[in-house]
């Protein structure tokens, strides 16, 4: 965290913008606890709870905030970064990163059991789908709906006046970020391999109250 703070200072990131970035990390940690509760019970949450939690725990919103330290995005005023369209894009980024992780990690999670904060499992449970392939297909439709919305927002940005060009670049780079994280997911040599990851307490013999 110290090194990140030094990077923020070096690029001239305003203090309040850095605090928002740190706030997104704290939100992520808090929601990790909520995920753990559902996993300990081996009961998938409702779709509404899943979406609200997963977009935070995916880290995507943190990435969107951290992106402001790149190029000259820290120059963007709050009228841009706090605009409902931009904030919605942050949420969609978090949602899509979570979806990608869920699709790729599904075989591992099905094999070991107990990890139920997964889009496919939530869809299967909530819609009472009998076949895993049906749940996968519906989950993919849900993913595509979010992706289509992100692309639409990128292509129909509000008029930000003198900040239009840099706001456009920021919006485009959020799309690049989604692609980059997905590439990291599929190229990771150990993240989704049995025996490499650390088991949660409720699967490793620990106690979760």
C-alpha atoms as a PDB file:
ATOM      1  CA  UNK A   1       0.000   0.000   0.000  1.00  0.00           C
ATOM      2  CA  UNK A   2       2.928   2.322   0.734  1.00  0.00           C
ATOM      3  CA  UNK A   3       4.271   1.883  -2.794  1.00  0.00           C
ATOM      4  CA  UNK A   4       0.849   2.568  -4.294  1.00  0.00           C
ATOM      5  CA  UNK A   5       0.631   5.741  -2.231  1.00  0.00           C
ATOM      6  CA  UNK A   6       4.036   6.829  -3.500  1.00  0.00           C
ATOM      7  CA  UNK A   7       2.919   6.207  -7.083  1.00  0.00           C
ATOM      8  CA  UNK A   8      -0.202   8.287  -6.433  1.00  0.00           C
ATOM      9  CA  UNK A   9       1.893  11.158  -5.100  1.00  0.00           C
ATOM     10  CA  UNK A  10       4.326  10.914  -8.019  1.00  0.00           C
ATOM     11  CA  UNK A  11       1.551  11.217 -10.603  1.00  0.00           C
ATOM     12  CA  UNK A  12      -0.140  14.082  -8.763  1.00  0.00           C
ATOM     13  CA  UNK A  13      -3.271  12.125  -7.891  1.00  0.00           C
ATOM     14  CA  UNK A  14      -5.531  14.351  -5.740  1.00  0.00           C
ATOM     15  CA  UNK A  15      -5.905  13.194  -2.133  1.00  0.00           C
ATOM     16  CA  UNK A  16      -9.672  12.712  -2.387  1.00  0.00           C
ATOM     17  CA  UNK A  17      -9.229  10.563  -5.511  1.00  0.00           C
ATOM     18  CA  UNK A  18      -6.701   8.383  -3.699  1.00  0.00           C
ATOM     19  CA  UNK A  19      -9.081   8.069  -0.748  1.00  0.00           C
ATOM     20  CA  UNK A  20     -11.804   6.843  -3.114  1.00  0.00           C
ATOM     21  CA  UNK A  21      -9.384   4.215  -4.418  1.00  0.00           C
ATOM     22  CA  UNK A  22      -8.565   3.080  -0.879  1.00  0.00           C
ATOM     23  CA  UNK A  23     -12.290   3.072  -0.100  1.00  0.00           C
ATOM     24  CA  UNK A  24     -12.864   0.642  -2.955  1.00  0.00           C
ATOM     25  CA  UNK A  25     -10.241  -1.686  -1.468  1.00  0.00           C
ATOM     26  CA  UNK A  26     -11.926  -1.535   1.938  1.00  0.00           C
ATOM     27  CA  UNK A  27     -15.265  -2.332   0.281  1.00  0.00           C
ATOM     28  CA  UNK A  28     -13.635  -5.330  -1.405  1.00  0.00           C
ATOM     29  CA  UNK A  29     -12.285  -6.650   1.906  1.00  0.00           C
ATOM     30  CA  UNK A  30     -15.648  -6.181   3.630  1.00  0.00           C
ATOM     31  CA  UNK A  31     -17.476  -8.039   0.875  1.00  0.00           C
ATOM     32  CA  UNK A  32     -14.938 -10.873   1.046  1.00  0.00           C
ATOM     33  CA  UNK A  33     -16.316 -11.537   4.515  1.00  0.00           C
ATOM     34  CA  UNK A  34     -19.847 -11.730   3.121  1.00  0.00           C
ATOM     35  CA  UNK A  35     -18.715 -14.158   0.417  1.00  0.00           C
ATOM     36  CA  UNK A  36     -17.111 -16.326   3.071  1.00  0.00           C
ATOM     37  CA  UNK A  37     -20.389 -16.571   4.973  1.00  0.00           C
ATOM     38  CA  UNK A  38     -22.253 -17.861   1.917  1.00  0.00           C
ATOM     39  CA  UNK A  39     -19.480 -20.308   1.067  1.00  0.00           C
ATOM     40  CA  UNK A  40     -19.404 -21.636   4.625  1.00  0.00           C
ATOM     41  CA  UNK A  41     -23.120 -22.427   4.343  1.00  0.00           C
ATOM     42  CA  UNK A  42     -22.685 -23.932   0.852  1.00  0.00           C
ATOM     43  CA  UNK A  43     -25.803 -22.013  -0.157  1.00  0.00           C
ATOM     44  CA  UNK A  44     -25.779 -19.773  -3.248  1.00  0.00           C
ATOM     45  CA  UNK A  45     -27.141 -16.270  -2.560  1.00  0.00           C
ATOM     46  CA  UNK A  46     -29.946 -14.642  -4.514  1.00  0.00           C
ATOM     47  CA  UNK A  47     -29.004 -13.051  -7.818  1.00  0.00           C
ATOM     48  CA  UNK A  48     -29.481  -9.575  -6.323  1.00  0.00           C
ATOM     49  CA  UNK A  49     -27.134 -10.305  -3.421  1.00  0.00           C
ATOM     50  CA  UNK A  50     -24.654 -12.027  -5.724  1.00  0.00           C
ATOM     51  CA  UNK A  51     -24.464  -9.083  -8.114  1.00  0.00           C
ATOM     52  CA  UNK A  52     -24.115  -6.530  -5.341  1.00  0.00           C
ATOM     53  CA  UNK A  53     -21.335  -8.534  -3.702  1.00  0.00           C
ATOM     54  CA  UNK A  54     -19.459  -9.915  -6.711  1.00  0.00           C
ATOM     55  CA  UNK A  55     -18.891  -6.592  -8.438  1.00  0.00           C
ATOM     56  CA  UNK A  56     -17.024  -5.504  -5.313  1.00  0.00           C
ATOM     57  CA  UNK A  57     -15.039  -8.688  -4.638  1.00  0.00           C
ATOM     58  CA  UNK A  58     -13.870  -9.056  -8.239  1.00  0.00           C
ATOM     59  CA  UNK A  59     -11.547  -6.095  -7.757  1.00  0.00           C
ATOM     60  CA  UNK A  60     -12.799  -4.475 -10.958  1.00  0.00           C
ATOM     61  CA  UNK A  61     -13.933  -1.280  -9.263  1.00  0.00           C
ATOM     62  CA  UNK A  62     -10.529  -1.016  -7.575  1.00  0.00           C
ATOM     63  CA  UNK A  63      -8.935  -1.350 -11.013  1.00  0.00           C
ATOM     64  CA  UNK A  64     -11.145   1.430 -12.367  1.00  0.00           C
ATOM     65  CA  UNK A  65     -10.076   3.728  -9.516  1.00  0.00           C
ATOM     66  CA  UNK A  66      -6.423   2.753  -9.883  1.00  0.00           C
ATOM     67  CA  UNK A  67      -6.654   3.512 -13.599  1.00  0.00           C
ATOM     68  CA  UNK A  68      -6.817   7.188 -12.643  1.00  0.00           C
ATOM     69  CA  UNK A  69      -3.106   6.982 -11.825  1.00  0.00           C
ATOM     70  CA  UNK A  70      -2.350   6.145 -15.442  1.00  0.00           C
ATOM     71  CA  UNK A  71      -1.811   8.685 -18.207  1.00  0.00           C
ATOM     72  CA  UNK A  72      -3.390  11.988 -17.125  1.00  0.00           C
ATOM     73  CA  UNK A  73      -6.696  10.643 -15.853  1.00  0.00           C
ATOM     74  CA  UNK A  74      -6.038  12.103 -12.408  1.00  0.00           C
ATOM     75  CA  UNK A  75      -6.699  15.487 -14.047  1.00  0.00           C
ATOM     76  CA  UNK A  76     -10.326  14.552 -14.666  1.00  0.00           C
ATOM     77  CA  UNK A  77     -12.675  16.572 -12.446  1.00  0.00           C
ATOM     78  CA  UNK A  78     -15.347  15.066 -10.209  1.00  0.00           C
ATOM     79  CA  UNK A  79     -17.969  16.248 -12.692  1.00  0.00           C
ATOM     80  CA  UNK A  80     -16.622  13.504 -14.968  1.00  0.00           C
ATOM     81  CA  UNK A  81     -15.495  10.787 -12.547  1.00  0.00           C
ATOM     82  CA  UNK A  82     -18.621  11.080 -10.405  1.00  0.00           C
ATOM     83  CA  UNK A  83     -20.993  11.249 -13.355  1.00  0.00           C
ATOM     84  CA  UNK A  84     -23.635   8.468 -13.214  1.00  0.00           C
ATOM     85  CA  UNK A  85     -22.474   7.117 -16.582  1.00  0.00           C
ATOM     86  CA  UNK A  86     -18.867   6.743 -15.439  1.00  0.00           C
ATOM     87  CA  UNK A  87     -19.886   5.254 -12.095  1.00  0.00           C
ATOM     88  CA  UNK A  88     -22.128   2.782 -13.912  1.00  0.00           C
ATOM     89  CA  UNK A  89     -19.161   1.807 -16.068  1.00  0.00           C
ATOM     90  CA  UNK A  90     -17.132   1.204 -12.899  1.00  0.00           C
ATOM     91  CA  UNK A  91     -19.833  -1.166 -11.668  1.00  0.00           C
ATOM     92  CA  UNK A  92     -20.029  -2.933 -15.017  1.00  0.00           C
ATOM     93  CA  UNK A  93     -16.265  -3.349 -15.031  1.00  0.00           C
ATOM     94  CA  UNK A  94     -16.445  -4.962 -11.601  1.00  0.00           C
ATOM     95  CA  UNK A  95     -19.339  -7.143 -12.728  1.00  0.00           C
ATOM     96  CA  UNK A  96     -17.619  -8.370 -15.891  1.00  0.00           C
ATOM     97  CA  UNK A  97     -14.328  -9.143 -14.159  1.00  0.00           C
ATOM     98  CA  UNK A  98     -16.305 -11.204 -11.645  1.00  0.00           C
ATOM     99  CA  UNK A  99     -18.226 -13.028 -14.361  1.00  0.00           C
ATOM    100  CA  UNK A 100     -15.023 -13.923 -16.222  1.00  0.00           C
ATOM    101  CA  UNK A 101     -13.439 -15.289 -13.064  1.00  0.00           C
ATOM    102  CA  UNK A 102     -16.575 -17.313 -12.314  1.00  0.00           C
ATOM    103  CA  UNK A 103     -16.699 -18.931 -15.746  1.00  0.00           C
ATOM    104  CA  UNK A 104     -13.038 -19.913 -15.657  1.00  0.00           C
ATOM    105  CA  UNK A 105     -13.013 -21.124 -12.055  1.00  0.00           C
ATOM    106  CA  UNK A 106     -16.277 -23.106 -12.306  1.00  0.00           C
ATOM    107  CA  UNK A 107     -14.676 -26.548 -12.900  1.00  0.00           C
ATOM    108  CA  UNK A 108     -12.442 -26.092  -9.856  1.00  0.00           C
ATOM    109  CA  UNK A 109     -15.317 -24.917  -7.680  1.00  0.00           C
ATOM    110  CA  UNK A 110     -17.614 -27.742  -8.770  1.00  0.00           C
ATOM    111  CA  UNK A 111     -14.876 -30.295  -8.098  1.00  0.00           C
ATOM    112  CA  UNK A 112     -14.107 -29.212  -4.567  1.00  0.00           C
ATOM    113  CA  UNK A 113     -17.539 -27.904  -3.504  1.00  0.00           C
ATOM    114  CA  UNK A 114     -18.294 -25.214  -0.961  1.00  0.00           C
ATOM    115  CA  UNK A 115     -17.510 -22.191  -3.131  1.00  0.00           C
ATOM    116  CA  UNK A 116     -20.965 -20.999  -4.181  1.00  0.00           C
ATOM    117  CA  UNK A 117     -20.365 -17.336  -5.047  1.00  0.00           C
ATOM    118  CA  UNK A 118     -20.336 -18.147  -8.746  1.00  0.00           C
ATOM    119  CA  UNK A 119     -22.660 -16.788 -11.424  1.00  0.00           C
ATOM    120  CA  UNK A 120     -23.425 -20.192 -12.923  1.00  0.00           C
ATOM    121  CA  UNK A 121     -24.259 -21.715  -9.532  1.00  0.00           C
ATOM    122  CA  UNK A 122     -26.425 -18.746  -8.574  1.00  0.00           C
ATOM    123  CA  UNK A 123     -28.333 -18.948 -11.871  1.00  0.00           C
ATOM    124  CA  UNK A 124     -28.775 -22.706 -11.545  1.00  0.00           C
ATOM    125  CA  UNK A 125     -30.074 -22.389  -7.987  1.00  0.00           C
ATOM    126  CA  UNK A 126     -32.350 -19.387  -8.505  1.00  0.00           C
ATOM    127  CA  UNK A 127     -33.858 -20.505 -11.811  1.00  0.00           C
ATOM    128  CA  UNK A 128     -34.081 -24.160 -10.764  1.00  0.00           C
ATOM    129  CA  UNK A 129     -32.282 -25.295 -13.889  1.00  0.00           C
ATOM    130  CA  UNK A 130     -31.759 -29.031 -13.971  1.00  0.00           C
ATOM    131  CA  UNK A 131     -28.788 -29.077 -16.295  1.00  0.00           C
ATOM    132  CA  UNK A 132     -25.462 -27.365 -15.761  1.00  0.00           C
ATOM    133  CA  UNK A 133     -25.312 -26.498 -19.464  1.00  0.00           C
ATOM    134  CA  UNK A 134     -28.624 -24.628 -19.189  1.00  0.00           C
ATOM    135  CA  UNK A 135     -27.239 -22.606 -16.306  1.00  0.00           C
ATOM    136  CA  UNK A 136     -24.034 -21.904 -18.234  1.00  0.00           C
ATOM    137  CA  UNK A 137     -26.016 -20.704 -21.247  1.00  0.00           C
ATOM    138  CA  UNK A 138     -28.171 -18.378 -19.136  1.00  0.00           C
ATOM    139  CA  UNK A 139     -25.101 -17.097 -17.287  1.00  0.00           C
ATOM    140  CA  UNK A 140     -23.463 -16.297 -20.619  1.00  0.00           C
ATOM    141  CA  UNK A 141     -26.560 -14.335 -21.658  1.00  0.00           C
ATOM    142  CA  UNK A 142     -26.341 -12.334 -18.427  1.00  0.00           C
ATOM    143  CA  UNK A 143     -22.650 -11.656 -19.110  1.00  0.00           C
ATOM    144  CA  UNK A 144     -23.397 -10.499 -22.638  1.00  0.00           C
ATOM    145  CA  UNK A 145     -26.097  -8.127 -21.396  1.00  0.00           C
ATOM    146  CA  UNK A 146     -23.571  -6.403 -19.131  1.00  0.00           C
ATOM    147  CA  UNK A 147     -20.927  -6.337 -21.857  1.00  0.00           C
ATOM    148  CA  UNK A 148     -23.382  -4.825 -24.335  1.00  0.00           C
ATOM    149  CA  UNK A 149     -24.297  -2.139 -21.809  1.00  0.00           C
ATOM    150  CA  UNK A 150     -20.645  -1.263 -21.210  1.00  0.00           C
ATOM    151  CA  UNK A 151     -20.006  -0.938 -24.947  1.00  0.00           C
ATOM    152  CA  UNK A 152     -23.140   1.164 -25.386  1.00  0.00           C
ATOM    153  CA  UNK A 153     -22.068   3.540 -22.616  1.00  0.00           C
ATOM    154  CA  UNK A 154     -18.595   3.808 -24.140  1.00  0.00           C
ATOM    155  CA  UNK A 155     -20.139   4.789 -27.460  1.00  0.00           C
ATOM    156  CA  UNK A 156     -22.669   7.259 -26.046  1.00  0.00           C
ATOM    157  CA  UNK A 157     -20.742   9.261 -23.468  1.00  0.00           C
ATOM    158  CA  UNK A 158     -22.358  12.483 -22.213  1.00  0.00           C
ATOM    159  CA  UNK A 159     -20.940  15.819 -23.312  1.00  0.00           C
ATOM    160  CA  UNK A 160     -18.074  16.531 -20.924  1.00  0.00           C
ATOM    161  CA  UNK A 161     -17.032  19.688 -22.728  1.00  0.00           C
ATOM    162  CA  UNK A 162     -13.294  20.353 -22.569  1.00  0.00           C
ATOM    163  CA  UNK A 163     -12.781  16.978 -20.894  1.00  0.00           C
ATOM    164  CA  UNK A 164     -14.433  14.976 -23.675  1.00  0.00           C
ATOM    165  CA  UNK A 165     -11.236  13.627 -25.250  1.00  0.00           C
ATOM    166  CA  UNK A 166      -9.641  12.413 -22.035  1.00  0.00           C
ATOM    167  CA  UNK A 167     -12.975  11.091 -20.750  1.00  0.00           C
ATOM    168  CA  UNK A 168     -13.277   9.106 -23.965  1.00  0.00           C
ATOM    169  CA  UNK A 169      -9.780   7.672 -23.468  1.00  0.00           C
ATOM    170  CA  UNK A 170     -10.614   6.753 -19.878  1.00  0.00           C
ATOM    171  CA  UNK A 171     -13.796   4.978 -20.981  1.00  0.00           C
ATOM    172  CA  UNK A 172     -11.924   3.110 -23.710  1.00  0.00           C
ATOM    173  CA  UNK A 173      -9.185   2.069 -21.305  1.00  0.00           C
ATOM    174  CA  UNK A 174     -11.772   0.596 -18.968  1.00  0.00           C
ATOM    175  CA  UNK A 175     -12.646  -1.750 -21.815  1.00  0.00           C
ATOM    176  CA  UNK A 176      -8.966  -2.554 -22.340  1.00  0.00           C
ATOM    177  CA  UNK A 177      -8.702  -3.258 -18.617  1.00  0.00           C
ATOM    178  CA  UNK A 178     -11.523  -5.816 -18.789  1.00  0.00           C
ATOM    179  CA  UNK A 179      -9.761  -7.560 -21.666  1.00  0.00           C
ATOM    180  CA  UNK A 180      -6.433  -7.486 -19.835  1.00  0.00           C
ATOM    181  CA  UNK A 181      -7.784  -9.028 -16.650  1.00  0.00           C
ATOM    182  CA  UNK A 182      -9.538 -11.724 -18.687  1.00  0.00           C
ATOM    183  CA  UNK A 183      -6.257 -12.544 -20.438  1.00  0.00           C
ATOM    184  CA  UNK A 184      -4.556 -12.812 -17.052  1.00  0.00           C
ATOM    185  CA  UNK A 185      -7.286 -15.174 -15.854  1.00  0.00           C
ATOM    186  CA  UNK A 186      -6.935 -17.581 -18.767  1.00  0.00           C
ATOM    187  CA  UNK A 187      -3.120 -17.478 -18.774  1.00  0.00           C
ATOM    188  CA  UNK A 188      -2.672 -17.985 -15.031  1.00  0.00           C
ATOM    189  CA  UNK A 189      -0.775 -21.234 -14.505  1.00  0.00           C
ATOM    190  CA  UNK A 190      -1.825 -21.880 -10.927  1.00  0.00           C
ATOM    191  CA  UNK A 191      -4.810 -19.808  -9.898  1.00  0.00           C
ATOM    192  CA  UNK A 192      -7.360 -22.391 -11.009  1.00  0.00           C
ATOM    193  CA  UNK A 193      -5.334 -25.580 -10.623  1.00  0.00           C
ATOM    194  CA  UNK A 194      -6.178 -28.035  -7.848  1.00  0.00           C
ATOM    195  CA  UNK A 195      -3.552 -28.157  -5.122  1.00  0.00           C
ATOM    196  CA  UNK A 196      -2.086 -24.748  -5.937  1.00  0.00           C
ATOM    197  CA  UNK A 197      -4.707 -22.452  -4.451  1.00  0.00           C
ATOM    198  CA  UNK A 198      -5.275 -22.063  -0.700  1.00  0.00           C
ATOM    199  CA  UNK A 199      -8.418 -23.789   0.564  1.00  0.00           C
ATOM    200  CA  UNK A 200     -10.883 -21.691   2.598  1.00  0.00           C
ATOM    201  CA  UNK A 201     -11.227 -22.520   6.288  1.00  0.00           C
ATOM    202  CA  UNK A 202     -14.501 -24.398   5.940  1.00  0.00           C
ATOM    203  CA  UNK A 203     -12.868 -26.799   3.458  1.00  0.00           C
ATOM    204  CA  UNK A 204      -9.450 -27.042   5.094  1.00  0.00           C
ATOM    205  CA  UNK A 205     -10.691 -28.085   8.509  1.00  0.00           C
ATOM    206  CA  UNK A 206     -10.870 -24.628  10.035  1.00  0.00           C
ATOM    207  CA  UNK A 207     -13.944 -23.300  11.800  1.00  0.00           C
ATOM    208  CA  UNK A 208     -16.113 -20.454  10.563  1.00  0.00           C
ATOM    209  CA  UNK A 209     -18.488 -19.070  13.175  1.00  0.00           C
END
